[in-house]
């Protein structure tokens, strides 16, 4: 059974959950959601680090990469066009 609630800034979601327009995943935990993995969802804004497999919102692009972010998966800094 899964617990569901409306999308909001600063919420952990289970792997496979939809990423709503304007939001990005900014962190990852392997043990979350009973071992399935969980993602931290935030409203997109310049300067946040975006995890892999996250759609880049319109009017943004990515910059510098850091391999230690997103629970070791790596991430790119989000930049506004």
Protein backbone atom coordinates (compact mmCIF):
# COMPACT_ATOMS: atom_id res chain seq x y z
CA UNK A 1 0.00 0.00 0.00
CA UNK A 2 1.28 3.51 -0.84
CA UNK A 3 0.47 6.78 0.88
CA UNK A 4 -0.36 9.56 -1.58
CA UNK A 5 -0.66 13.30 -1.12
CA UNK A 6 -0.73 16.34 -3.42
CA UNK A 7 2.57 17.56 -4.82
CA UNK A 8 4.30 20.28 -2.79
CA UNK A 9 7.72 21.84 -2.52
CA UNK A 10 10.12 19.83 -0.33
CA UNK A 11 8.51 16.38 -0.33
CA UNK A 12 10.08 12.93 -0.59
CA UNK A 13 8.50 10.74 -3.27
CA UNK A 14 9.01 7.08 -4.13
CA UNK A 15 10.83 6.01 -7.27
CA UNK A 16 8.40 5.85 -10.17
CA UNK A 17 6.24 8.71 -8.90
CA UNK A 18 5.42 11.38 -11.48
CA UNK A 19 7.48 14.56 -11.61
CA UNK A 20 5.03 17.42 -11.92
CA UNK A 21 5.78 20.31 -14.31
CA UNK A 22 7.99 22.92 -12.69
CA UNK A 23 9.42 20.49 -10.12
CA UNK A 24 12.79 18.70 -10.08
CA UNK A 25 14.42 15.93 -8.04
CA UNK A 26 17.26 17.35 -5.95
CA UNK A 27 18.28 14.38 -3.77
CA UNK A 28 18.06 10.59 -3.67
CA UNK A 29 18.05 7.94 -0.92
CA UNK A 30 18.48 4.27 -1.79
CA UNK A 31 16.75 2.86 1.32
CA UNK A 32 13.67 5.09 1.00
CA UNK A 33 10.22 3.67 0.20
CA UNK A 34 11.01 0.23 1.56
CA UNK A 35 14.21 -0.13 -0.47
CA UNK A 36 12.69 1.06 -3.75
CA UNK A 37 14.45 4.42 -3.43
CA UNK A 38 13.09 7.91 -2.83
CA UNK A 39 13.57 11.31 -4.44
CA UNK A 40 13.37 14.81 -2.91
CA UNK A 41 11.08 17.01 -5.01
CA UNK A 42 11.47 20.82 -5.13
CA UNK A 43 10.17 23.67 -7.26
CA UNK A 44 12.79 24.49 -9.89
CA UNK A 45 14.89 27.59 -9.29
CA UNK A 46 18.37 28.65 -10.37
CA UNK A 47 21.17 27.23 -8.25
CA UNK A 48 19.49 23.96 -7.26
CA UNK A 49 21.21 20.68 -8.18
CA UNK A 50 19.12 18.47 -10.48
CA UNK A 51 19.41 14.68 -10.24
CA UNK A 52 19.68 12.35 -13.24
CA UNK A 53 16.47 11.16 -14.92
CA UNK A 54 14.68 14.42 -14.07
CA UNK A 55 13.09 16.42 -16.88
CA UNK A 56 14.63 19.89 -17.18
CA UNK A 57 11.85 22.50 -16.91
CA UNK A 58 11.25 24.96 -19.75
CA UNK A 59 13.45 28.08 -19.61
CA UNK A 60 16.24 26.22 -17.73
CA UNK A 61 19.42 24.42 -18.69
CA UNK A 62 22.14 22.68 -16.70
CA UNK A 63 25.69 23.71 -15.90
CA UNK A 64 28.43 22.25 -13.75
CA UNK A 65 28.33 18.55 -12.78
CA UNK A 66 29.13 17.22 -9.28
CA UNK A 67 29.35 13.44 -8.83
CA UNK A 68 28.71 13.45 -5.09
CA UNK A 69 25.21 15.00 -5.11
CA UNK A 70 21.87 13.15 -5.30
CA UNK A 71 22.97 10.38 -2.99
CA UNK A 72 26.07 9.69 -5.08
CA UNK A 73 24.26 9.57 -8.43
CA UNK A 74 25.65 12.97 -9.42
CA UNK A 75 23.83 16.18 -10.31
CA UNK A 76 23.99 19.29 -12.49
CA UNK A 77 23.40 22.84 -11.30
CA UNK A 78 20.21 24.38 -12.68
CA UNK A 79 20.57 27.65 -14.61
CA UNK A 80 17.81 29.87 -15.99
CA UNK A 81 18.00 30.65 -19.72
